[in-house]
Every structure is written in C-alpha cells, then in structure tokens.
C-alpha atoms as a PDB file:
ATOM      1  CA  MET A   1       1.542  -8.539  -9.523  1.00  0.00           C
ATOM      2  CA  GLY A   2      -0.123  -9.770 -12.665  1.00  0.00           C
ATOM      3  CA  SER A   3       0.434 -11.869 -15.496  1.00  0.00           C
ATOM      4  CA  LEU A   4       2.327 -10.941 -18.842  1.00  0.00           C
ATOM      5  CA  SER A   5       0.005 -10.543 -21.472  1.00  0.00           C
ATOM      6  CA  LEU A   6       0.677 -12.134 -24.912  1.00  0.00           C
ATOM      7  CA  ALA A   7       1.556  -8.485 -26.235  1.00  0.00           C
ATOM      8  CA  GLU A   8       4.451  -7.805 -23.341  1.00  0.00           C
ATOM      9  CA  ILE A   9       5.736 -11.083 -24.080  1.00  0.00           C
ATOM     10  CA  LEU A  10       6.039 -10.744 -27.630  1.00  0.00           C
ATOM     11  CA  VAL A  11       7.572  -7.241 -26.772  1.00  0.00           C
ATOM     12  CA  ILE A  12       9.960  -8.618 -24.662  1.00  0.00           C
ATOM     13  CA  LEU A  13      11.007 -11.409 -26.870  1.00  0.00           C
ATOM     14  CA  VAL A  14      11.337  -8.816 -30.155  1.00  0.00           C
ATOM     15  CA  VAL A  15      14.009  -7.053 -27.568  1.00  0.00           C
ATOM     16  CA  ILE A  16      15.780  -9.967 -26.641  1.00  0.00           C
ATOM     17  CA  LEU A  17      16.089 -10.966 -30.078  1.00  0.00           C
ATOM     18  CA  VAL A  18      17.580  -7.128 -30.659  1.00  0.00           C
ATOM     19  CA  VAL A  19      20.147  -6.913 -28.120  1.00  0.00           C
ATOM     20  CA  PHE A  20      21.304 -10.745 -28.447  1.00  0.00           C
ATOM     21  CA  GLY A  21      20.967 -11.245 -32.004  1.00  0.00           C
ATOM     22  CA  PRO A  22      19.522 -14.660 -33.511  1.00  0.00           C
ATOM     23  CA  ARG A  23      23.159 -16.401 -33.154  1.00  0.00           C
ATOM     24  CA  ARG A  24      23.271 -15.804 -29.675  1.00  0.00           C
ATOM     25  CA  LEU A  25      19.620 -16.574 -29.237  1.00  0.00           C
ATOM     26  CA  PRO A  26      19.898 -20.493 -28.833  1.00  0.00           C
ATOM     27  CA  GLU A  27      22.721 -20.129 -26.445  1.00  0.00           C
ATOM     28  CA  LEU A  28      20.893 -17.789 -24.195  1.00  0.00           C
ATOM     29  CA  SER A  29      17.776 -20.317 -24.476  1.00  0.00           C
ATOM     30  CA  ARG A  30      20.121 -23.280 -23.398  1.00  0.00           C
ATOM     31  CA  ARG A  31      21.405 -21.395 -20.310  1.00  0.00           C
ATOM     32  CA  THR A  32      18.488 -19.962 -19.335  1.00  0.00           C
ATOM     33  CA  GLY A  33      16.519 -23.385 -19.643  1.00  0.00           C
ATOM     34  CA  ALA A  34      19.403 -24.644 -17.284  1.00  0.00           C
ATOM     35  CA  LEU A  35      19.232 -21.747 -14.761  1.00  0.00           C
ATOM     36  CA  LEU A  36      15.756 -22.380 -14.498  1.00  0.00           C
ATOM     37  CA  SER A  37      16.339 -25.915 -14.032  1.00  0.00           C
ATOM     38  CA  LYS A  38      18.755 -25.426 -11.157  1.00  0.00           C
ATOM     39  CA  LEU A  39      16.558 -23.371  -9.526  1.00  0.00           C
ATOM     40  CA  ARG A  40      13.989 -25.451  -9.604  1.00  0.00           C
ATOM     41  CA  GLU A  41      16.157 -28.134  -8.208  1.00  0.00           C
ATOM     42  CA  ALA A  42      17.179 -26.169  -5.331  1.00  0.00           C
ATOM     43  CA  THR A  43      14.247 -24.931  -4.246  1.00  0.00           C
ATOM     44  CA  SER A  44      13.182 -28.425  -4.099  1.00  0.00           C
ATOM     45  CA  TYR A  45      16.121 -29.267  -2.029  1.00  0.00           C
ATOM     46  CA  LEU A  46      15.065 -26.358   0.481  1.00  0.00           C
ATOM     47  CA  ARG A  47      11.630 -27.559   0.296  1.00  0.00           C
ATOM     48  CA  GLU A  48      12.314 -30.990   1.151  1.00  0.00           C
ATOM     49  CA  SER A  49      15.076 -30.282   3.790  1.00  0.00           C
ATOM     50  CA  ILE A  50      12.652 -27.754   5.796  1.00  0.00           C
ATOM     51  CA  ASP A  51       9.735 -30.496   5.466  1.00  0.00           C
ATOM     52  CA  ALA A  52      12.479 -33.117   7.048  1.00  0.00           C
ATOM     53  CA  ASP A  53      13.421 -31.010   9.676  1.00  0.00           C
ATOM     54  CA  TYR A  54      10.081 -29.122  10.847  1.00  0.00           C
ATOM     55  CA  GLY A  55       7.608 -30.927   9.281  1.00  0.00           C
ATOM     56  CA  GLU A  56       5.966 -32.758  12.262  1.00  0.00           C
ATOM     57  CA  SER A  57       6.184 -29.407  14.244  1.00  0.00           C
ATOM     58  CA  MET A  58       4.580 -27.462  11.219  1.00  0.00           C
ATOM     59  CA  GLU A  59       1.770 -30.072  11.272  1.00  0.00           C
ATOM     60  CA  PRO A  60      -0.572 -27.676  13.958  1.00  0.00           C
ATOM     61  CA  MET A  61       0.150 -24.868  12.029  1.00  0.00           C
ATOM     62  CA  ARG A  62      -1.203 -26.798   8.343  1.00  0.00           C
ATOM     63  CA  GLU A  63      -4.154 -27.976  10.296  1.00  0.00           C
ATOM     64  CA  LEU A  64      -4.913 -23.986  11.380  1.00  0.00           C
ATOM     65  CA  LYS A  65      -4.362 -22.964   7.816  1.00  0.00           C
ATOM     66  CA  LYS A  66      -6.840 -25.481   6.790  1.00  0.00           C
ATOM     67  CA  GLU A  67      -9.527 -24.330   9.298  1.00  0.00           C
ATOM     68  CA  PHE A  68      -8.696 -20.615   8.432  1.00  0.00           C
ATOM     69  CA  ASP A  69      -9.139 -21.270   4.912  1.00  0.00           C
ATOM     70  CA  GLY A  70     -12.490 -23.086   5.643  1.00  0.00           C
ATOM     71  CA  LEU A  71     -13.934 -20.193   7.429  1.00  0.00           C
ATOM     72  CA  LYS A  72     -12.460 -18.019   5.075  1.00  0.00           C
ATOM     73  CA  GLY A  73     -14.523 -19.704   2.392  1.00  0.00           C
ATOM     74  CA  ASP A  74     -17.599 -19.628   4.750  1.00  0.00           C
ATOM     75  CA  VAL A  75     -17.487 -16.078   5.213  1.00  0.00           C
ATOM     76  CA  ASN A  76     -17.092 -15.392   1.190  1.00  0.00           C
ATOM     77  CA  ARG A  77     -20.121 -17.403   0.812  1.00  0.00           C
ATOM     78  CA  ALA A  78     -22.212 -15.840   3.507  1.00  0.00           C
ATOM     79  CA  PHE A  79     -21.485 -12.350   2.163  1.00  0.00           C
ATOM     80  CA  THR A  80     -22.175 -13.358  -1.494  1.00  0.00           C
ATOM     81  CA  GLY A  81     -25.399 -12.534  -2.484  1.00  0.00           C
ATOM     82  CA  ILE A  82     -26.089  -9.652  -0.098  1.00  0.00           C
ATOM     83  CA  GLY A  83     -27.998  -7.007  -2.050  1.00  0.00           C
ATOM     84  CA  ASP A  84     -30.418  -8.022  -4.605  1.00  0.00           C
ATOM     85  CA  PRO A  85     -32.843 -10.984  -4.707  1.00  0.00           C
ATOM     86  CA  ASP A  86     -30.878 -11.856  -7.677  1.00  0.00           C
ATOM     87  CA  GLY A  87     -27.750 -11.923  -5.832  1.00  0.00           C
ATOM     88  CA  ARG A  88     -26.116  -8.921  -7.272  1.00  0.00           C
ATOM     89  CA  THR A  89     -24.674  -6.591  -5.188  1.00  0.00           C
ATOM     90  CA  GLU A  90     -25.235  -2.694  -5.356  1.00  0.00           C
ATOM     91  CA  SER A  91     -22.602  -0.299  -5.293  1.00  0.00           C
ATOM     92  CA  PRO A  92     -23.472   2.780  -2.999  1.00  0.00           C
ATOM     93  CA  PRO A  93     -24.838   5.862  -4.491  1.00  0.00           C
ATOM     94  CA  GLU A  94     -22.148   8.612  -5.833  1.00  0.00           C
ATOM     95  CA  VAL A  95     -22.526  11.654  -4.048  1.00  0.00           C
ATOM     96  CA  ASP A  96     -22.394  14.984  -6.139  1.00  0.00           C
ATOM     97  CA  ALA A  97     -20.266  17.371  -4.128  1.00  0.00           C
ATOM     98  CA  SER A  98     -22.480  20.258  -5.269  1.00  0.00           C
ATOM     99  CA  ASP A  99     -25.333  18.468  -3.356  1.00  0.00           C
ATOM    100  CA  GLU A 100     -23.709  18.847   0.109  1.00  0.00           C
ATOM    101  CA  PRO A 101     -24.496  21.854   2.158  1.00  0.00           C
ATOM    102  CA  GLU A 102     -21.299  24.122   2.532  1.00  0.00           C
ATOM    103  CA  GLU A 103     -20.066  25.062   5.983  1.00  0.00           C
ATOM    104  CA  SER A 104     -20.079  28.651   7.109  1.00  0.00           C
ATOM    105  CA  PRO A 105     -16.875  29.721   8.822  1.00  0.00           C
ATOM    106  CA  GLY A 106     -18.562  30.681  11.800  1.00  0.00           C
ATOM    107  CA  SER A 107     -20.143  27.140  12.429  1.00  0.00           C
ATOM    108  CA  PRO A 108     -20.293  25.782  15.880  1.00  0.00           C
ATOM    109  CA  ASP A 109     -18.189  22.501  14.717  1.00  0.00           C
ATOM    110  CA  GLN A 110     -15.116  24.296  14.551  1.00  0.00           C
END
C-alpha cells in the first residue's frame, strides 16, 4: 500500500465537504480526532500490556531480529554495485520474439 498524494487527499476532502456539508464538518472533525485519540491510547495500552507479559521472553526474538536486519543490510550492500564499474546495474537484454527459432511440430523435444 502506498501513501496518498496531495491530489487524492484534496478529492477526499471535497467529497467529505459535499456529503456532510460545511455545518457538520467541525463536528465530524472533532469526533474523528477523538476516535483517533482513543485508538492511539488503546494501541499504546495493548503494546504496554504485551511487553509487560511477554517482554522478557521476547528478548531473544528481538536480538535475532537485530541480527537478521544486520545481515540483510550486509547482503544489500554486497549486491549494490554489481554490474558496471560505476556501480550501475544493467538490466538483461530484451529478447525479441522474432529472433527466436520456431519449433517444428515434429521436433524431438516433445
């Protein structure tokens, strides 16, 4: 999933304005803000309770994740620059379908 562009956000805001009208827009904004605040509070509480219950047992997993992320970075750096001496990578040449030989119906490959 990608992020929303400015044009998409403007279209969404115009649709909201048309559907709810300018009179109900402040009330809708307050309710949306309150809902987002409660959602943030609930996720924070959930994260804290999970960390309190399983924090100590999750430490080996966190260490493995850090090690894996380090290895992943090493592999990415190792493969960066493969190709040209300038560090650019080349894409494989495109194959034109007309260049490939046609197989005859009685070929031994079948």
